[in-house]
Structures are given as structure tokens and as C-alpha cells.
């Protein structure tokens, strides 16, 4: 059993959880995931994010990270980019099993099932590490109780950057908790800088109709389709405009509607 109070060079700030890293996996030179212990008292909704930091300074730097594991998981999983010189990721990318990670106690976020009106088909649009909240949601049985079909789009620059989403979606279908419900789960992965069966930005593929033809589904319609968006600033703006062009309306926790956007990760 790993000790959640592993020794650090600086005191643990008050009001935060100090948890122990249990697993680290590096996918590329710029992407990795890690798992850590989960506090007994920590509750969250699948799709929410928390503030993560390291005990490496008197005043640690905290950044928003989606919890990539579902709300029933006994551990917490995170999916991260490595930014050279980044105030947090420069150090976070070097963590190893047994190290301590800090987490503020309050989860929040808009990419939750409660922020959407009921529908038939749920679209999850992501670029890069924007896939993380969807990694949580597609492992939550509630998602399949609310929607007959779940389509996750994941766009990256290079094929190697799709490894996490491809492995995870494949594993969901064999998951003992939600595998029997995940027959309607589809991953539509695209790349922008290499040859690949599906190539291009998701907004261009929606505009041309190719994504709908490839998946064998009708174009997005407000009576049946719901959307969630997580990615870069430009991607959020363009995908939001595209969904509004189909007649969808942005919602929130306080006013559910037909699509939601997570802006917490955009500077």
C-alpha cells in the first residue's frame, strides 16, 4: 500500500488533498497519463475537473485537470500534455510511482450529463488532451442510460497522439461495469498532419458531411443530438459555431440545453 503522505521538501498547504501516484504511462514525447490514490471523502461527477499541483514550492502552482477516470473508480486518473518550461507540466511530467500530487478539494465543470437535455445521440468533440473528460464519461453507465449512441471525436496532429483514446475506447467495450451498455459507443479519430483513414479538422468534416457518411448517421439535429466540446481555443470557437449552425443551443449546469463547452483549460 502506497503512503499518501509521502515525504516532500515543502509543507502540504492547508485545504488540499495530498495523494500518492500509483501508475505513470508515457505515450509520446508530449503526452502521458498518471493514476493516483483517491481520498475517501472525494466525490465528483464524471466529466468534472479539479485543480492539480505539486508540493515543490512554498506556494505551489495549480492547474485545471479533468478527472479522466469515472466517478466510481477507486483511483483518480489524469491525462496530460508536457510543456517545456511550463510552470506545472515541466515538473509533473517527471513524476513517478510513489510521488505526491496535490489536489484541491472542489471539483467543477460543465461537461457533465446533467448540463444536457435528454437526447438520442451524444457527440463528444475533443482535440489533444481535451479527450480526458470524455475518458471519464464513456466509462460511466449513466451516459449510456441517457443516450442510445455516444460518438467521441478525437483530433490530433499525429497518429501516435491517438493511442490513449484508442486504447481506452477499446477497453470500455470489455469493461465489466459498462461494457454491456457500450455497444453504441464509437470513436471517430482524425489527424491533421499525417496520412490516416480519417484526416482533417472535425469542423471541416462536419461541414462537408464526411463524418456523418463515415459513421452512417444523419447530420446533427437539435431534436436528437447533444454535444460536448473540449479542446483548444480555436477548436472551441469553431465547433461551437458549427453546432449552433445545426440549431443547437449552449447550456450550463444551471440551464441545461443541447450542447456544452468546457473553457477552463483555455488561457
C-alpha atoms as a PDB file:
ATOM      1  CA  UNK A   1       0.000   0.000   0.000  1.00  0.00           C
ATOM      2  CA  UNK A   2       1.461   3.340  -1.038  1.00  0.00           C
ATOM      3  CA  UNK A   3       1.640   6.059   1.578  1.00  0.00           C
ATOM      4  CA  UNK A   4      -0.495   9.070   0.577  1.00  0.00           C
ATOM      5  CA  UNK A   5       1.587  11.240   2.893  1.00  0.00           C
ATOM      6  CA  UNK A   6       4.876  10.615   1.075  1.00  0.00           C
ATOM      7  CA  UNK A   7       7.702  12.898   2.145  1.00  0.00           C
ATOM      8  CA  UNK A   8       8.078  16.207   0.317  1.00  0.00           C
ATOM      9  CA  UNK A   9      10.532  19.088   0.501  1.00  0.00           C
ATOM     10  CA  UNK A  10       7.791  21.599   1.287  1.00  0.00           C
ATOM     11  CA  UNK A  11       4.862  21.548   3.721  1.00  0.00           C
ATOM     12  CA  UNK A  12       1.492  20.472   2.321  1.00  0.00           C
ATOM     13  CA  UNK A  13      -0.780  23.541   2.044  1.00  0.00           C
ATOM     14  CA  UNK A  14      -3.949  23.536   4.099  1.00  0.00           C
ATOM     15  CA  UNK A  15      -7.205  22.732   2.352  1.00  0.00           C
ATOM     16  CA  UNK A  16      -5.784  20.342  -0.239  1.00  0.00           C
ATOM     17  CA  UNK A  17      -5.504  16.577  -0.610  1.00  0.00           C
ATOM     18  CA  UNK A  18      -2.007  15.075  -0.811  1.00  0.00           C
ATOM     19  CA  UNK A  19      -2.252  11.870  -2.846  1.00  0.00           C
ATOM     20  CA  UNK A  20       0.218   9.237  -3.990  1.00  0.00           C
ATOM     21  CA  UNK A  21       0.981   8.388  -7.615  1.00  0.00           C
ATOM     22  CA  UNK A  22       0.244   4.711  -8.331  1.00  0.00           C
ATOM     23  CA  UNK A  23       0.999   4.494 -12.067  1.00  0.00           C
ATOM     24  CA  UNK A  24       2.564   6.580 -14.855  1.00  0.00           C
ATOM     25  CA  UNK A  25       2.441   5.856 -18.590  1.00  0.00           C
ATOM     26  CA  UNK A  26       4.127   7.962 -21.278  1.00  0.00           C
ATOM     27  CA  UNK A  27       2.597   7.782 -24.762  1.00  0.00           C
ATOM     28  CA  UNK A  28       4.731  10.239 -26.713  1.00  0.00           C
ATOM     29  CA  UNK A  29       7.317  12.920 -26.005  1.00  0.00           C
ATOM     30  CA  UNK A  30       4.423  15.261 -25.261  1.00  0.00           C
ATOM     31  CA  UNK A  31       1.647  13.118 -23.728  1.00  0.00           C
ATOM     32  CA  UNK A  32       1.322  10.979 -20.607  1.00  0.00           C
ATOM     33  CA  UNK A  33      -1.233   9.772 -18.090  1.00  0.00           C
ATOM     34  CA  UNK A  34      -0.983   9.030 -14.404  1.00  0.00           C
ATOM     35  CA  UNK A  35      -3.113   7.496 -11.698  1.00  0.00           C
ATOM     36  CA  UNK A  36      -3.112   8.325  -8.021  1.00  0.00           C
ATOM     37  CA  UNK A  37      -4.892   7.407  -4.819  1.00  0.00           C
ATOM     38  CA  UNK A  38      -8.370   8.813  -4.272  1.00  0.00           C
ATOM     39  CA  UNK A  39      -9.341  10.459  -0.977  1.00  0.00           C
ATOM     40  CA  UNK A  40     -12.136   8.585   0.793  1.00  0.00           C
ATOM     41  CA  UNK A  41     -14.183  11.770   1.073  1.00  0.00           C
ATOM     42  CA  UNK A  42     -13.738  12.980  -2.538  1.00  0.00           C
ATOM     43  CA  UNK A  43     -16.884  12.946  -4.687  1.00  0.00           C
ATOM     44  CA  UNK A  44     -17.264  14.224  -8.250  1.00  0.00           C
ATOM     45  CA  UNK A  45     -19.439  13.898 -11.330  1.00  0.00           C
ATOM     46  CA  UNK A  46     -17.892  12.183 -14.340  1.00  0.00           C
ATOM     47  CA  UNK A  47     -16.600  14.895 -16.692  1.00  0.00           C
ATOM     48  CA  UNK A  48     -15.626  17.403 -13.989  1.00  0.00           C
ATOM     49  CA  UNK A  49     -12.145  18.830 -13.383  1.00  0.00           C
ATOM     50  CA  UNK A  50     -10.018  19.616 -10.340  1.00  0.00           C
ATOM     51  CA  UNK A  51      -7.002  21.809  -9.620  1.00  0.00           C
ATOM     52  CA  UNK A  52      -3.753  19.817  -9.518  1.00  0.00           C
ATOM     53  CA  UNK A  53      -0.342  20.869  -8.190  1.00  0.00           C
ATOM     54  CA  UNK A  54       2.938  19.572  -6.790  1.00  0.00           C
ATOM     55  CA  UNK A  55       4.475  20.099  -3.324  1.00  0.00           C
ATOM     56  CA  UNK A  56       7.605  21.669  -4.842  1.00  0.00           C
ATOM     57  CA  UNK A  57       7.269  25.274  -3.639  1.00  0.00           C
ATOM     58  CA  UNK A  58       6.008  27.322  -0.703  1.00  0.00           C
ATOM     59  CA  UNK A  59       3.110  28.394  -2.961  1.00  0.00           C
ATOM     60  CA  UNK A  60       2.554  25.539  -5.426  1.00  0.00           C
ATOM     61  CA  UNK A  61       1.295  26.212  -8.950  1.00  0.00           C
ATOM     62  CA  UNK A  62      -2.147  24.678  -9.588  1.00  0.00           C
ATOM     63  CA  UNK A  63      -3.725  23.989 -12.979  1.00  0.00           C
ATOM     64  CA  UNK A  64      -7.118  22.626 -14.027  1.00  0.00           C
ATOM     65  CA  UNK A  65      -7.135  18.942 -14.982  1.00  0.00           C
ATOM     66  CA  UNK A  66     -10.142  16.861 -15.979  1.00  0.00           C
ATOM     67  CA  UNK A  67     -10.516  13.672 -13.995  1.00  0.00           C
ATOM     68  CA  UNK A  68     -10.178  11.020 -16.709  1.00  0.00           C
ATOM     69  CA  UNK A  69     -11.449   8.204 -14.508  1.00  0.00           C
ATOM     70  CA  UNK A  70     -15.192   7.696 -13.900  1.00  0.00           C
ATOM     71  CA  UNK A  71     -16.816   8.645 -10.609  1.00  0.00           C
ATOM     72  CA  UNK A  72     -16.985   5.013  -9.438  1.00  0.00           C
ATOM     73  CA  UNK A  73     -13.223   4.355  -9.798  1.00  0.00           C
ATOM     74  CA  UNK A  74     -11.246   3.765  -6.610  1.00  0.00           C
ATOM     75  CA  UNK A  75      -8.340   5.789  -8.017  1.00  0.00           C
ATOM     76  CA  UNK A  76      -8.074   9.053  -9.955  1.00  0.00           C
ATOM     77  CA  UNK A  77      -6.630   9.196 -13.460  1.00  0.00           C
ATOM     78  CA  UNK A  78      -5.342  12.241 -15.370  1.00  0.00           C
ATOM     79  CA  UNK A  79      -4.164  12.749 -18.962  1.00  0.00           C
ATOM     80  CA  UNK A  80      -1.605  15.496 -19.511  1.00  0.00           C
ATOM     81  CA  UNK A  81       0.461  17.300 -22.098  1.00  0.00           C
ATOM     82  CA  UNK A  82       4.144  18.009 -21.458  1.00  0.00           C
ATOM     83  CA  UNK A  83       5.006  21.679 -21.923  1.00  0.00           C
ATOM     84  CA  UNK A  84       8.717  22.567 -21.946  1.00  0.00           C
ATOM     85  CA  UNK A  85       9.174  25.297 -19.360  1.00  0.00           C
ATOM     86  CA  UNK A  86       5.552  25.021 -18.221  1.00  0.00           C
ATOM     87  CA  UNK A  87       5.110  26.150 -14.591  1.00  0.00           C
ATOM     88  CA  UNK A  88       3.478  22.831 -13.682  1.00  0.00           C
ATOM     89  CA  UNK A  89       3.900  20.325 -16.529  1.00  0.00           C
ATOM     90  CA  UNK A  90       7.678  20.838 -16.662  1.00  0.00           C
ATOM     91  CA  UNK A  91       7.739  19.091 -13.263  1.00  0.00           C
ATOM     92  CA  UNK A  92       4.570  16.984 -13.455  1.00  0.00           C
ATOM     93  CA  UNK A  93       5.863  15.034 -16.446  1.00  0.00           C
ATOM     94  CA  UNK A  94       8.723  13.734 -14.264  1.00  0.00           C
ATOM     95  CA  UNK A  95       6.543  12.183 -11.558  1.00  0.00           C
ATOM     96  CA  UNK A  96       6.927   8.501 -10.775  1.00  0.00           C
ATOM     97  CA  UNK A  97       5.146   5.912  -8.689  1.00  0.00           C
ATOM     98  CA  UNK A  98       5.205   6.864  -5.011  1.00  0.00           C
ATOM     99  CA  UNK A  99       5.445  10.622  -5.585  1.00  0.00           C
ATOM    100  CA  UNK A 100       2.964  13.064  -4.051  1.00  0.00           C
ATOM    101  CA  UNK A 101       0.475  15.132  -6.072  1.00  0.00           C
ATOM    102  CA  UNK A 102      -1.666  17.880  -4.563  1.00  0.00           C
ATOM    103  CA  UNK A 103      -5.342  18.281  -5.407  1.00  0.00           C
ATOM    104  CA  UNK A 104      -7.749  20.986  -4.301  1.00  0.00           C
ATOM    105  CA  UNK A 105     -10.931  19.606  -2.801  1.00  0.00           C
ATOM    106  CA  UNK A 106     -13.648  21.101  -5.010  1.00  0.00           C
ATOM    107  CA  UNK A 107     -14.440  19.562  -8.425  1.00  0.00           C
ATOM    108  CA  UNK A 108     -16.389  21.553 -11.026  1.00  0.00           C
ATOM    109  CA  UNK A 109     -17.050  21.740 -14.773  1.00  0.00           C
ATOM    110  CA  UNK A 110     -19.699  21.924 -17.478  1.00  0.00           C
ATOM    111  CA  UNK A 111     -19.029  18.645 -19.296  1.00  0.00           C
ATOM    112  CA  UNK A 112     -21.484  16.637 -17.228  1.00  0.00           C
ATOM    113  CA  UNK A 113     -24.599  14.716 -18.203  1.00  0.00           C
ATOM    114  CA  UNK A 114     -26.762  16.948 -16.004  1.00  0.00           C
ATOM    115  CA  UNK A 115     -25.984  20.002 -18.182  1.00  0.00           C
ATOM    116  CA  UNK A 116     -27.632  18.446 -21.254  1.00  0.00           C
ATOM    117  CA  UNK A 117     -31.275  17.914 -22.136  1.00  0.00           C
ATOM    118  CA  UNK A 118     -32.244  14.299 -22.896  1.00  0.00           C
ATOM    119  CA  UNK A 119     -31.471  13.145 -26.431  1.00  0.00           C
ATOM    120  CA  UNK A 120     -30.759  10.150 -28.630  1.00  0.00           C
ATOM    121  CA  UNK A 121     -27.162  10.717 -29.675  1.00  0.00           C
ATOM    122  CA  UNK A 122     -24.334  12.341 -27.719  1.00  0.00           C
ATOM    123  CA  UNK A 123     -21.371  13.833 -29.593  1.00  0.00           C
ATOM    124  CA  UNK A 124     -18.142  14.447 -27.652  1.00  0.00           C
ATOM    125  CA  UNK A 125     -15.777  16.683 -29.626  1.00  0.00           C
ATOM    126  CA  UNK A 126     -12.144  16.764 -28.473  1.00  0.00           C
ATOM    127  CA  UNK A 127      -8.642  17.706 -29.550  1.00  0.00           C
ATOM    128  CA  UNK A 128      -5.443  16.603 -27.806  1.00  0.00           C
ATOM    129  CA  UNK A 129      -5.803  16.173 -24.051  1.00  0.00           C
ATOM    130  CA  UNK A 130      -9.351  17.537 -24.369  1.00  0.00           C
ATOM    131  CA  UNK A 131     -10.272  13.855 -24.584  1.00  0.00           C
ATOM    132  CA  UNK A 132      -9.727  13.493 -20.809  1.00  0.00           C
ATOM    133  CA  UNK A 133     -13.248  14.385 -19.551  1.00  0.00           C
ATOM    134  CA  UNK A 134     -14.718  12.050 -22.141  1.00  0.00           C
ATOM    135  CA  UNK A 135     -12.470   9.262 -20.877  1.00  0.00           C
ATOM    136  CA  UNK A 136     -14.437   9.647 -17.651  1.00  0.00           C
ATOM    137  CA  UNK A 137     -17.890   9.936 -19.198  1.00  0.00           C
ATOM    138  CA  UNK A 138     -17.613   6.938 -21.541  1.00  0.00           C
ATOM    139  CA  UNK A 139     -16.796   4.774 -18.503  1.00  0.00           C
ATOM    140  CA  UNK A 140     -19.890   5.946 -16.614  1.00  0.00           C
ATOM    141  CA  UNK A 141     -23.016   3.762 -17.007  1.00  0.00           C
ATOM    142  CA  UNK A 142     -25.208   6.869 -16.607  1.00  0.00           C
ATOM    143  CA  UNK A 143     -24.024   8.111 -20.017  1.00  0.00           C
ATOM    144  CA  UNK A 144     -25.496   5.038 -21.701  1.00  0.00           C
ATOM    145  CA  UNK A 145     -28.696   5.294 -19.674  1.00  0.00           C
ATOM    146  CA  UNK A 146     -29.257   8.788 -21.107  1.00  0.00           C
ATOM    147  CA  UNK A 147     -28.131   8.238 -24.707  1.00  0.00           C
ATOM    148  CA  UNK A 148     -28.579   5.376 -27.188  1.00  0.00           C
ATOM    149  CA  UNK A 149     -25.451   6.330 -29.099  1.00  0.00           C
ATOM    150  CA  UNK A 150     -22.219   8.024 -27.958  1.00  0.00           C
ATOM    151  CA  UNK A 151     -19.765   9.312 -30.578  1.00  0.00           C
ATOM    152  CA  UNK A 152     -16.374  10.578 -29.406  1.00  0.00           C
ATOM    153  CA  UNK A 153     -14.342  12.542 -31.930  1.00  0.00           C
ATOM    154  CA  UNK A 154     -10.656  12.965 -31.160  1.00  0.00           C
ATOM    155  CA  UNK A 155      -8.449  15.068 -33.432  1.00  0.00           C
ATOM    156  CA  UNK A 156      -4.657  15.224 -33.044  1.00  0.00           C
ATOM    157  CA  UNK A 157      -1.754  16.267 -35.209  1.00  0.00           C
ATOM    158  CA  UNK A 158      -0.111  12.837 -35.407  1.00  0.00           C
ATOM    159  CA  UNK A 159      -1.325   9.246 -35.265  1.00  0.00           C
ATOM    160  CA  UNK A 160       0.777   8.413 -32.162  1.00  0.00           C
ATOM    161  CA  UNK A 161      -1.192  11.021 -30.195  1.00  0.00           C
ATOM    162  CA  UNK A 162      -4.361   8.947 -30.581  1.00  0.00           C
ATOM    163  CA  UNK A 163      -3.025   5.995 -28.562  1.00  0.00           C
ATOM    164  CA  UNK A 164      -4.737   6.876 -25.273  1.00  0.00           C
ATOM    165  CA  UNK A 165      -8.202   7.344 -26.762  1.00  0.00           C
ATOM    166  CA  UNK A 166      -7.926   4.267 -28.989  1.00  0.00           C
ATOM    167  CA  UNK A 167      -6.816   2.012 -26.143  1.00  0.00           C
ATOM    168  CA  UNK A 168      -9.395   3.376 -23.738  1.00  0.00           C
ATOM    169  CA  UNK A 169     -12.400   3.102 -26.063  1.00  0.00           C
ATOM    170  CA  UNK A 170     -11.405  -0.462 -26.923  1.00  0.00           C
ATOM    171  CA  UNK A 171     -11.180  -1.326 -23.219  1.00  0.00           C
ATOM    172  CA  UNK A 172     -14.597   0.162 -22.412  1.00  0.00           C
ATOM    173  CA  UNK A 173     -16.330  -2.442 -24.547  1.00  0.00           C
ATOM    174  CA  UNK A 174     -14.821  -5.162 -22.329  1.00  0.00           C
ATOM    175  CA  UNK A 175     -15.449  -3.295 -19.081  1.00  0.00           C
ATOM    176  CA  UNK A 176     -17.470  -5.407 -16.595  1.00  0.00           C
ATOM    177  CA  UNK A 177     -19.443  -2.376 -15.372  1.00  0.00           C
ATOM    178  CA  UNK A 178     -20.450  -0.612 -18.600  1.00  0.00           C
ATOM    179  CA  UNK A 179     -19.299  -2.890 -21.417  1.00  0.00           C
ATOM    180  CA  UNK A 180     -22.752  -4.379 -21.914  1.00  0.00           C
ATOM    181  CA  UNK A 181     -24.162  -0.866 -22.486  1.00  0.00           C
ATOM    182  CA  UNK A 182     -21.316   0.403 -24.679  1.00  0.00           C
ATOM    183  CA  UNK A 183     -22.470  -1.131 -27.956  1.00  0.00           C
ATOM    184  CA  UNK A 184     -23.464   2.354 -29.058  1.00  0.00           C
ATOM    185  CA  UNK A 185     -20.005   3.839 -28.359  1.00  0.00           C
ATOM    186  CA  UNK A 186     -17.957   4.947 -31.373  1.00  0.00           C
ATOM    187  CA  UNK A 187     -14.564   6.653 -31.636  1.00  0.00           C
ATOM    188  CA  UNK A 188     -14.045   8.864 -34.678  1.00  0.00           C
ATOM    189  CA  UNK A 189     -10.332   9.662 -34.614  1.00  0.00           C
ATOM    190  CA  UNK A 190      -8.750  12.073 -37.081  1.00  0.00           C
ATOM    191  CA  UNK A 191      -5.284  13.528 -37.631  1.00  0.00           C
ATOM    192  CA  UNK A 192      -4.218  16.728 -39.350  1.00  0.00           C
ATOM    193  CA  UNK A 193      -0.520  16.218 -40.206  1.00  0.00           C
ATOM    194  CA  UNK A 194      -0.130  12.589 -41.269  1.00  0.00           C
ATOM    195  CA  UNK A 195      -1.859  10.140 -43.584  1.00  0.00           C
ATOM    196  CA  UNK A 196      -4.682   8.350 -41.813  1.00  0.00           C
ATOM    197  CA  UNK A 197      -8.045   6.843 -42.844  1.00  0.00           C
ATOM    198  CA  UNK A 198      -9.786   9.908 -41.383  1.00  0.00           C
ATOM    199  CA  UNK A 199      -7.904  13.151 -41.884  1.00  0.00           C
ATOM    200  CA  UNK A 200      -8.747  16.759 -41.103  1.00  0.00           C
ATOM    201  CA  UNK A 201     -10.335  19.067 -38.546  1.00  0.00           C
ATOM    202  CA  UNK A 202     -13.649  17.840 -37.217  1.00  0.00           C
ATOM    203  CA  UNK A 203     -15.409  21.092 -38.129  1.00  0.00           C
ATOM    204  CA  UNK A 204     -14.369  20.670 -41.781  1.00  0.00           C
ATOM    205  CA  UNK A 205     -15.534  17.049 -41.723  1.00  0.00           C
ATOM    206  CA  UNK A 206     -18.913  18.139 -40.350  1.00  0.00           C
ATOM    207  CA  UNK A 207     -19.208  20.928 -42.905  1.00  0.00           C
ATOM    208  CA  UNK A 208     -18.550  18.505 -45.780  1.00  0.00           C
ATOM    209  CA  UNK A 209     -20.800  15.838 -44.258  1.00  0.00           C
ATOM    210  CA  UNK A 210     -17.992  13.272 -44.372  1.00  0.00           C
ATOM    211  CA  UNK A 211     -18.141  12.441 -40.654  1.00  0.00           C
ATOM    212  CA  UNK A 212     -21.844  11.624 -40.919  1.00  0.00           C
ATOM    213  CA  UNK A 213     -21.292   9.480 -44.019  1.00  0.00           C
ATOM    214  CA  UNK A 214     -18.369   7.672 -42.397  1.00  0.00           C
ATOM    215  CA  UNK A 215     -20.401   6.868 -39.277  1.00  0.00           C
ATOM    216  CA  UNK A 216     -23.661   6.171 -41.080  1.00  0.00           C
ATOM    217  CA  UNK A 217     -25.624   8.673 -39.009  1.00  0.00           C
ATOM    218  CA  UNK A 218     -27.785  11.630 -40.080  1.00  0.00           C
ATOM    219  CA  UNK A 219     -26.463  15.205 -39.727  1.00  0.00           C
ATOM    220  CA  UNK A 220     -26.748  16.743 -36.271  1.00  0.00           C
ATOM    221  CA  UNK A 221     -30.283  17.852 -35.378  1.00  0.00           C
ATOM    222  CA  UNK A 222     -31.489  19.597 -32.201  1.00  0.00           C
ATOM    223  CA  UNK A 223     -34.311  17.093 -31.640  1.00  0.00           C
ATOM    224  CA  UNK A 224     -31.981  14.105 -31.395  1.00  0.00           C
ATOM    225  CA  UNK A 225     -28.374  15.217 -30.928  1.00  0.00           C
ATOM    226  CA  UNK A 226     -26.433  16.649 -27.998  1.00  0.00           C
ATOM    227  CA  UNK A 227     -22.846  17.885 -27.880  1.00  0.00           C
ATOM    228  CA  UNK A 228     -19.895  18.411 -25.568  1.00  0.00           C
ATOM    229  CA  UNK A 229     -16.752  20.293 -26.623  1.00  0.00           C
ATOM    230  CA  UNK A 230     -13.252  20.293 -25.094  1.00  0.00           C
ATOM    231  CA  UNK A 231     -10.066  21.433 -26.807  1.00  0.00           C
ATOM    232  CA  UNK A 232      -8.059  24.458 -27.887  1.00  0.00           C
ATOM    233  CA  UNK A 233      -9.447  27.996 -28.033  1.00  0.00           C
ATOM    234  CA  UNK A 234      -9.792  27.936 -31.836  1.00  0.00           C
ATOM    235  CA  UNK A 235     -11.399  24.493 -31.755  1.00  0.00           C
ATOM    236  CA  UNK A 236     -13.934  25.562 -29.104  1.00  0.00           C
ATOM    237  CA  UNK A 237     -14.919  28.624 -31.101  1.00  0.00           C
ATOM    238  CA  UNK A 238     -15.239  26.819 -34.435  1.00  0.00           C
ATOM    239  CA  UNK A 239     -17.038  23.747 -33.079  1.00  0.00           C
ATOM    240  CA  UNK A 240     -19.458  25.902 -31.065  1.00  0.00           C
ATOM    241  CA  UNK A 241     -20.284  27.876 -34.227  1.00  0.00           C
ATOM    242  CA  UNK A 242     -20.772  24.642 -36.167  1.00  0.00           C
ATOM    243  CA  UNK A 243     -23.182  23.197 -33.591  1.00  0.00           C
ATOM    244  CA  UNK A 244     -25.114  26.466 -33.482  1.00  0.00           C
ATOM    245  CA  UNK A 245     -25.337  26.230 -37.262  1.00  0.00           C
ATOM    246  CA  UNK A 246     -27.099  22.902 -36.804  1.00  0.00           C
ATOM    247  CA  UNK A 247     -29.556  24.587 -34.418  1.00  0.00           C
ATOM    248  CA  UNK A 248     -28.099  23.503 -31.086  1.00  0.00           C
ATOM    249  CA  UNK A 249     -28.056  25.896 -28.111  1.00  0.00           C
ATOM    250  CA  UNK A 250     -25.315  26.172 -25.477  1.00  0.00           C
ATOM    251  CA  UNK A 251     -26.353  25.116 -21.981  1.00  0.00           C
ATOM    252  CA  UNK A 252     -24.853  25.005 -18.495  1.00  0.00           C
ATOM    253  CA  UNK A 253     -25.271  23.348 -15.110  1.00  0.00           C
ATOM    254  CA  UNK A 254     -27.893  25.909 -14.146  1.00  0.00           C
ATOM    255  CA  UNK A 255     -29.653  25.885 -17.519  1.00  0.00           C
ATOM    256  CA  UNK A 256     -29.305  22.560 -19.385  1.00  0.00           C
ATOM    257  CA  UNK A 257     -29.625  22.671 -23.175  1.00  0.00           C
ATOM    258  CA  UNK A 258     -28.375  20.863 -26.292  1.00  0.00           C
ATOM    259  CA  UNK A 259     -24.593  21.377 -26.064  1.00  0.00           C
ATOM    260  CA  UNK A 260     -21.952  22.461 -23.541  1.00  0.00           C
ATOM    261  CA  UNK A 261     -18.380  23.786 -23.757  1.00  0.00           C
ATOM    262  CA  UNK A 262     -15.532  23.493 -21.233  1.00  0.00           C
ATOM    263  CA  UNK A 263     -13.439  26.670 -21.174  1.00  0.00           C
ATOM    264  CA  UNK A 264     -11.438  26.031 -18.005  1.00  0.00           C
ATOM    265  CA  UNK A 265      -8.323  24.895 -19.896  1.00  0.00           C
ATOM    266  CA  UNK A 266      -8.049  27.918 -22.185  1.00  0.00           C
ATOM    267  CA  UNK A 267      -5.719  30.728 -21.037  1.00  0.00           C
END
